[in-house]
């Protein structure tokens, strides 16, 4: 039956023996080395995966630390900004108070100058009025001094004033 299929039984046995010998030689010399190489490669891949896992873990930890550092830095910045605003507000209040004090002092000095100018102006107007009044009285007296009726009226009015104020 093997011959109907085109198979030579002696040749098949020879090939089986050859295959067995090749298998024995390979299993004796080559397969252990291949197994060792495969095991080494498997261990290297396992170590690589473990290292990768460790690196990913460290990377995640680093990311968390970095985010925490950024958050702390942001909080510190916000704190410094708040402190700067507070300091600016205090400085502003101090400057406003100093400006108000200076303005009040300036207003007081201006009021004193105005009051002094007013007093000086009143004195000057009074002096000027006295001078004009004296000039007018002198002019009237000069004109009326020769009039006897006017002189008599003046004397009479002076006597009446003295009688009313004893």
Protein backbone atom coordinates (compact mmCIF):
# COMPACT_ATOMS: atom_id res chain seq x y z
CA UNK A 1 0.00 0.00 0.00
CA UNK A 2 2.86 2.39 0.66
CA UNK A 3 4.07 1.72 -2.84
CA UNK A 4 0.74 2.74 -4.32
CA UNK A 5 1.19 6.07 -2.66
CA UNK A 6 4.74 6.37 -4.02
CA UNK A 7 6.49 5.85 -0.71
CA UNK A 8 9.57 3.62 -0.46
CA UNK A 9 9.53 1.88 2.98
CA UNK A 10 13.33 1.46 3.17
CA UNK A 11 13.86 5.07 2.32
CA UNK A 12 11.28 6.06 4.92
CA UNK A 13 13.06 4.07 7.61
CA UNK A 14 16.43 5.54 6.59
CA UNK A 15 14.99 9.03 6.78
CA UNK A 16 13.45 8.29 10.20
CA UNK A 17 16.82 7.00 11.49
CA UNK A 18 18.60 10.06 10.00
CA UNK A 19 16.05 12.33 11.59
CA UNK A 20 16.48 10.56 14.94
CA UNK A 21 20.28 10.91 14.77
CA UNK A 22 20.00 14.62 13.85
CA UNK A 23 17.49 15.06 16.65
CA UNK A 24 19.79 13.36 19.18
CA UNK A 25 22.77 15.48 18.09
CA UNK A 26 20.72 18.68 18.18
CA UNK A 27 19.14 17.82 21.53
CA UNK A 28 22.56 17.04 22.96
CA UNK A 29 24.50 20.06 21.69
CA UNK A 30 22.24 22.76 20.24
CA UNK A 31 18.95 22.63 22.15
CA UNK A 32 20.52 23.25 25.59
CA UNK A 33 22.22 26.34 24.23
CA UNK A 34 19.02 27.51 22.55
CA UNK A 35 17.08 26.86 25.77
CA UNK A 36 19.68 28.76 27.77
CA UNK A 37 19.56 31.64 25.28
CA UNK A 38 15.75 31.63 25.37
CA UNK A 39 15.74 31.55 29.17
CA UNK A 40 18.29 34.39 29.26
CA UNK A 41 16.20 36.32 26.79
CA UNK A 42 13.04 35.62 28.82
CA UNK A 43 14.78 36.84 31.98
CA UNK A 44 16.04 39.94 30.18
CA UNK A 45 12.53 40.70 28.92
CA UNK A 46 11.15 40.14 32.45
CA UNK A 47 13.78 42.48 33.87
CA UNK A 48 12.97 45.02 31.17
CA UNK A 49 9.26 44.82 32.01
CA UNK A 50 10.04 45.10 35.73
CA UNK A 51 12.34 48.05 35.06
CA UNK A 52 9.67 49.61 32.87
CA UNK A 53 7.12 49.13 35.63
CA UNK A 54 9.51 50.66 38.17
CA UNK A 55 10.23 53.56 35.83
CA UNK A 56 6.52 54.14 35.27
CA UNK A 57 5.96 54.05 39.04
CA UNK A 58 8.81 56.51 39.60
CA UNK A 59 7.51 58.68 36.77
CA UNK A 60 4.06 58.76 38.36
CA UNK A 61 5.62 59.60 41.73
CA UNK A 62 7.68 62.32 40.07
CA UNK A 63 4.56 63.71 38.40
CA UNK A 64 2.77 63.76 41.75
CA UNK A 65 5.75 65.44 43.41
CA UNK A 66 5.97 67.95 40.57
CA UNK A 67 2.25 68.73 40.84
CA UNK A 68 2.58 69.13 44.61
CA UNK A 69 5.60 71.40 44.12
CA UNK A 70 3.69 73.46 41.58
CA UNK A 71 0.75 73.71 43.95
CA UNK A 72 3.03 74.81 46.80
CA UNK A 73 4.73 77.30 44.50
CA UNK A 74 1.34 78.64 43.39
CA UNK A 75 0.24 78.96 47.02
CA UNK A 76 3.49 80.74 47.87
CA UNK A 77 2.99 83.10 44.94
CA UNK A 78 -0.58 83.80 46.02
CA UNK A 79 0.65 84.40 49.56
CA UNK A 80 3.35 86.80 48.34
CA UNK A 81 0.81 88.62 46.17
CA UNK A 82 -1.54 88.98 49.13
CA UNK A 83 1.31 90.24 51.33
CA UNK A 84 2.35 92.70 48.62
CA UNK A 85 -1.24 93.94 48.31
CA UNK A 86 -1.44 94.36 52.09
CA UNK A 87 1.86 96.23 52.15
CA UNK A 88 0.71 98.41 49.26
CA UNK A 89 -2.54 99.18 51.08
CA UNK A 90 -0.65 100.14 54.24
CA UNK A 91 1.75 102.29 52.23
CA UNK A 92 -1.18 103.87 50.41
CA UNK A 93 -2.88 104.68 53.71
CA UNK A 94 0.32 106.18 55.07
CA UNK A 95 0.84 108.25 51.92
CA UNK A 96 -2.77 109.42 51.95
CA UNK A 97 -2.49 110.36 55.63
CA UNK A 98 0.75 112.27 54.99
CA UNK A 99 -0.80 114.00 51.98
CA UNK A 100 -3.86 114.94 54.03
CA UNK A 101 -1.65 116.28 56.81
CA UNK A 102 0.38 118.28 54.31
CA UNK A 103 -2.80 119.57 52.66
CA UNK A 104 -4.26 120.53 56.04
CA UNK A 105 -1.04 122.34 56.96
CA UNK A 106 -1.06 124.11 53.60
CA UNK A 107 -4.73 125.09 54.04
CA UNK A 108 -4.02 126.38 57.56
CA UNK A 109 -1.05 128.40 56.32
CA UNK A 110 -3.16 129.76 53.46
CA UNK A 111 -5.93 130.71 55.90
CA UNK A 112 -3.39 132.50 58.09
CA UNK A 113 -2.05 134.36 55.06
CA UNK A 114 -5.60 135.24 53.98
CA UNK A 115 -6.45 136.45 57.49
CA UNK A 116 -3.27 138.51 57.63
CA UNK A 117 -4.00 139.94 54.16
CA UNK A 118 -7.54 140.75 55.31
CA UNK A 119 -6.23 142.52 58.43
CA UNK A 120 -3.67 144.40 56.35
CA UNK A 121 -6.33 145.33 53.77
CA UNK A 122 -8.72 146.53 56.51
CA UNK A 123 -5.98 148.56 58.11
CA UNK A 124 -5.04 150.02 54.76
CA UNK A 125 -8.69 150.81 53.90
CA UNK A 126 -9.21 152.32 57.37
CA UNK A 127 -6.11 154.45 57.01
CA UNK A 128 -7.17 155.47 53.53
CA UNK A 129 -10.71 156.28 54.78
CA UNK A 130 -9.27 158.37 57.63
CA UNK A 131 -7.07 160.25 55.23
CA UNK A 132 -10.01 160.92 52.91
CA UNK A 133 -12.26 161.87 55.84
CA UNK A 134 -9.62 164.26 57.17
CA UNK A 135 -9.24 165.72 53.73
CA UNK A 136 -13.01 166.18 53.37
CA UNK A 137 -13.38 167.62 56.89
CA UNK A 138 -10.52 169.98 56.26
CA UNK A 139 -12.02 171.05 52.98
CA UNK A 140 -15.47 171.58 54.59
CA UNK A 141 -13.95 173.44 57.53
CA UNK A 142 -12.01 175.61 55.18
CA UNK A 143 -15.17 176.40 53.23
CA UNK A 144 -17.46 176.87 56.30
CA UNK A 145 -14.96 178.54 58.61
CA UNK A 146 -15.89 181.97 57.30
CA UNK A 147 -19.67 181.33 57.59
CA UNK A 148 -20.97 182.67 60.97
CA UNK A 149 -24.30 180.79 60.79
CA UNK A 150 -22.54 177.49 60.45
CA UNK A 151 -20.18 178.31 63.32
CA UNK A 152 -23.14 179.14 65.55
CA UNK A 153 -24.89 175.86 64.63
CA UNK A 154 -21.74 173.90 65.43
CA UNK A 155 -21.35 175.54 68.82
CA UNK A 156 -25.02 174.91 69.64
CA UNK A 157 -24.76 171.24 68.64
CA UNK A 158 -21.64 170.81 70.82
CA UNK A 159 -23.40 172.34 73.82
CA UNK A 160 -26.39 170.03 73.37
CA UNK A 161 -24.07 167.01 73.17
CA UNK A 162 -22.35 168.02 76.42
CA UNK A 163 -25.70 168.53 78.18
CA UNK A 164 -26.91 165.07 77.15
CA UNK A 165 -23.71 163.35 78.37
CA UNK A 166 -22.99 164.78 81.85
